[in-house]
Amino acid sequence: MQSLLDLFIPLKQANDMSLFDTKHMKRALDAAIEAGQRGEVPVGAVLVHGPSDEIIAIASNRVMELKDPSAHAELLAITKACAKLNNERLVDCDLYVTLEPCPMCAQLISFARIRRLYFAASDEKGGGVENGPHIFNAKTCHHKPQVYGGIMAEQSSKILKNFFKSRRNPKKIKEDVKHG
């Protein structure tokens, strides 16, 4: 059996990890599975108030449902959290996402002043944090959150791979995505 520590492959500061990281990432994975069952790319996001560990928002991709290319899980979770807190800044908040944020979402994370970003699977083609334009390392970036990657990456990758495999065989989509 794999230990909890084996699940973490952080970009930095491994000693700051906690059991909450897996708890919230598991909830983000649940949201991703729900998105996949709706036919959306299975990406989920959970926004947590760091000091209280209270979940403020949960979202998943809704691009097809809303006919909106910007309806990514991160954007929807940040929008919900800002509305709930009545503030455009989420300085004490942590974001858990099942896939490395794209450049658009990474920029939004910076604008919202998210304290920490935890993500599961890397996205070599569309990522904007450790792949692609490395948004947080750009000199035009006003705020860089603490970033931890690879948390439950294997589980997230399996959900994504099963989803895209199912897209090639639509009869299996709900079964494969659910069983991740």
Protein backbone atom coordinates (compact mmCIF):
# COMPACT_ATOMS: atom_id res chain seq x y z
CA MET A 1 0.00 0.00 0.00
CA GLN A 2 1.17 3.48 -0.86
CA SER A 3 1.74 5.90 2.03
CA LEU A 4 0.29 9.41 2.02
CA LEU A 5 3.77 10.84 1.59
CA ASP A 6 4.18 8.83 -1.63
CA LEU A 7 1.20 10.70 -3.09
CA PHE A 8 3.01 14.04 -2.91
CA ILE A 9 5.40 15.20 -5.59
CA PRO A 10 5.49 18.92 -4.80
CA LEU A 11 7.26 21.55 -6.80
CA LYS A 12 8.67 22.92 -3.53
CA GLN A 13 8.35 22.96 0.26
CA ALA A 14 7.29 19.35 0.87
CA ASN A 15 7.41 19.91 4.63
CA ASP A 16 4.38 22.25 4.42
CA MET A 17 2.09 19.43 3.24
CA SER A 18 -0.76 18.21 5.43
CA LEU A 19 -3.51 15.63 5.44
CA PHE A 20 -5.87 18.39 4.29
CA ASP A 21 -4.12 18.37 0.93
CA THR A 22 -5.44 14.91 0.11
CA LYS A 23 -8.86 15.53 1.65
CA HIS A 24 -9.50 18.58 -0.51
CA MET A 25 -7.89 17.06 -3.59
CA LYS A 26 -10.17 14.02 -3.20
CA ARG A 27 -13.15 16.39 -3.24
CA ALA A 28 -11.76 18.06 -6.37
CA LEU A 29 -11.42 14.61 -7.97
CA ASP A 30 -15.08 13.92 -7.11
CA ALA A 31 -16.03 17.17 -8.88
CA ALA A 32 -13.90 16.13 -11.87
CA ILE A 33 -15.70 12.78 -12.07
CA GLU A 34 -19.05 14.59 -11.97
CA ALA A 35 -17.90 16.80 -14.88
CA GLY A 36 -16.84 13.75 -16.87
CA GLN A 37 -20.21 12.13 -16.31
CA ARG A 38 -21.81 15.27 -17.80
CA GLY A 39 -19.54 14.96 -20.85
CA GLU A 40 -17.25 17.80 -19.78
CA VAL A 41 -13.47 17.41 -19.57
CA PRO A 42 -13.09 16.05 -16.03
CA VAL A 43 -11.41 18.84 -14.12
CA GLY A 44 -12.50 19.81 -10.63
CA ALA A 45 -11.51 22.61 -8.28
CA VAL A 46 -11.99 23.26 -4.57
CA LEU A 47 -11.28 26.63 -2.98
CA VAL A 48 -10.57 26.54 0.75
CA HIS A 49 -10.17 29.30 3.33
CA GLY A 50 -6.72 28.31 4.59
CA PRO A 51 -6.85 29.34 8.25
CA SER A 52 -10.28 27.80 8.94
CA ASP A 53 -10.00 24.92 6.42
CA GLU A 54 -13.57 25.74 5.31
CA ILE A 55 -14.49 24.87 1.74
CA ILE A 56 -15.73 28.08 0.14
CA ALA A 57 -16.40 26.85 -3.39
CA ILE A 58 -16.42 23.66 -5.43
CA ALA A 59 -16.63 23.71 -9.21
CA SER A 60 -15.94 21.62 -12.27
CA ASN A 61 -15.60 22.37 -15.96
CA ARG A 62 -18.83 23.60 -17.58
CA VAL A 63 -17.50 24.74 -20.95
CA MET A 64 -19.98 22.75 -23.04
CA GLU A 65 -22.93 23.21 -20.69
CA LEU A 66 -22.55 27.00 -20.56
CA LYS A 67 -21.28 27.31 -24.16
CA ASP A 68 -18.44 29.35 -22.67
CA PRO A 69 -14.78 28.54 -23.40
CA SER A 70 -13.75 30.27 -20.17
CA ALA A 71 -15.98 28.11 -17.91
CA HIS A 72 -13.03 26.23 -16.45
CA ALA A 73 -13.26 24.72 -12.96
CA GLU A 74 -10.75 27.19 -11.51
CA LEU A 75 -12.50 30.24 -12.92
CA LEU A 76 -15.90 29.08 -11.67
CA ALA A 77 -14.57 28.25 -8.19
CA ILE A 78 -12.81 31.61 -7.90
CA THR A 79 -15.92 33.47 -9.09
CA LYS A 80 -18.10 31.65 -6.52
CA ALA A 81 -15.61 32.30 -3.73
CA CYS A 82 -15.29 36.01 -4.54
CA ALA A 83 -19.08 36.34 -4.51
CA LYS A 84 -19.40 34.42 -1.24
CA LEU A 85 -16.67 36.48 0.46
CA ASN A 86 -17.73 39.72 -1.24
CA ASN A 87 -14.12 40.39 -2.17
CA GLU A 88 -12.07 40.17 -5.37
CA ARG A 89 -9.01 39.10 -3.38
CA LEU A 90 -8.69 35.60 -1.91
CA VAL A 91 -5.45 36.16 0.00
CA ASP A 92 -6.05 33.54 2.70
CA CYS A 93 -7.38 30.93 0.29
CA ASP A 94 -5.94 27.78 -1.22
CA LEU A 95 -7.01 26.27 -4.53
CA TYR A 96 -6.97 22.53 -5.23
CA VAL A 97 -7.26 21.57 -8.90
CA THR A 98 -7.10 18.18 -10.55
CA LEU A 99 -5.11 19.43 -13.56
CA GLU A 100 -2.35 22.00 -13.88
CA PRO A 101 -4.11 25.33 -14.60
CA CYS A 102 -4.00 26.68 -18.14
CA PRO A 103 -2.43 30.13 -18.71
CA MET A 104 -5.84 31.86 -18.43
CA CYS A 105 -6.59 30.24 -15.08
CA ALA A 106 -3.04 30.75 -13.80
CA GLN A 107 -3.33 34.46 -14.51
CA LEU A 108 -6.69 34.58 -12.72
CA ILE A 109 -5.14 32.79 -9.72
CA SER A 110 -2.52 35.53 -9.63
CA PHE A 111 -5.10 38.33 -9.96
CA ALA A 112 -7.20 36.82 -7.15
CA ARG A 113 -4.10 36.65 -4.92
CA ILE A 114 -4.68 32.97 -4.08
CA ARG A 115 -2.29 31.98 -1.27
CA ARG A 116 -1.50 28.41 -2.38
CA LEU A 117 -2.15 26.36 -5.49
CA TYR A 118 -2.24 22.57 -5.25
CA PHE A 119 -2.68 20.64 -8.47
CA ALA A 120 -2.74 16.97 -9.34
CA ALA A 121 -1.75 16.10 -12.91
CA SER A 122 0.64 18.17 -15.03
CA ASP A 123 -0.60 19.37 -18.41
CA GLU A 124 2.24 19.34 -20.92
CA LYS A 125 0.05 20.64 -23.74
CA GLY A 126 -2.12 23.23 -22.04
CA GLY A 127 -0.58 23.99 -18.66
CA GLY A 128 0.52 27.45 -17.67
CA VAL A 129 2.32 26.84 -14.38
CA GLU A 130 5.10 24.27 -14.74
CA ASN A 131 4.55 23.88 -18.48
CA GLY A 132 3.88 26.39 -21.24
CA PRO A 133 4.38 30.04 -20.38
CA HIS A 134 5.17 29.54 -16.65
CA ILE A 135 2.82 32.40 -15.74
CA PHE A 136 4.00 32.74 -12.12
CA ASN A 137 7.63 33.12 -13.22
CA ALA A 138 6.91 35.94 -15.68
CA LYS A 139 8.16 39.34 -14.58
CA THR A 140 4.71 40.74 -15.40
CA CYS A 141 3.11 38.46 -12.78
CA HIS A 142 1.99 40.57 -9.81
CA HIS A 143 1.41 37.72 -7.36
CA LYS A 144 2.92 34.25 -7.22
CA PRO A 145 1.14 31.72 -5.02
CA GLN A 146 2.98 28.89 -3.35
CA VAL A 147 2.66 26.01 -5.82
CA TYR A 148 2.52 22.29 -5.10
CA GLY A 149 2.15 19.89 -8.00
CA GLY A 150 1.66 16.17 -8.31
CA ILE A 151 -0.79 15.64 -5.45
CA MET A 152 -2.81 12.54 -6.38
CA ALA A 153 -1.57 12.97 -9.95
CA GLU A 154 -1.93 9.30 -10.79
CA GLN A 155 -5.62 9.27 -9.88
CA SER A 156 -6.31 12.46 -11.81
CA SER A 157 -4.40 11.27 -14.86
CA LYS A 158 -6.34 8.02 -14.87
CA ILE A 159 -9.67 9.88 -14.78
CA LEU A 160 -8.58 12.11 -17.68
CA LYS A 161 -7.19 9.23 -19.76
CA ASN A 162 -10.34 7.17 -19.22
CA PHE A 163 -12.48 10.14 -20.21
CA PHE A 164 -10.67 10.71 -23.50
CA LYS A 165 -10.58 6.99 -24.19
CA SER A 166 -14.34 6.94 -23.61
CA ARG A 167 -14.80 9.84 -26.03
CA ARG A 168 -13.50 7.50 -28.71
CA ASN A 169 -16.04 4.90 -27.46
CA PRO A 170 -19.05 6.98 -26.24
CA LYS A 171 -20.97 3.98 -24.85
CA LYS A 172 -18.37 3.56 -22.12
CA ILE A 173 -18.01 7.20 -21.06
CA LYS A 174 -19.96 7.14 -17.80
CA GLU A 175 -18.64 3.76 -16.71
CA ASP A 176 -14.97 4.50 -17.36
CA VAL A 177 -14.93 8.02 -15.92
CA LYS A 178 -16.76 6.88 -12.79
CA HIS A 179 -14.29 4.07 -12.13
CA GLY A 180 -11.30 6.36 -12.72
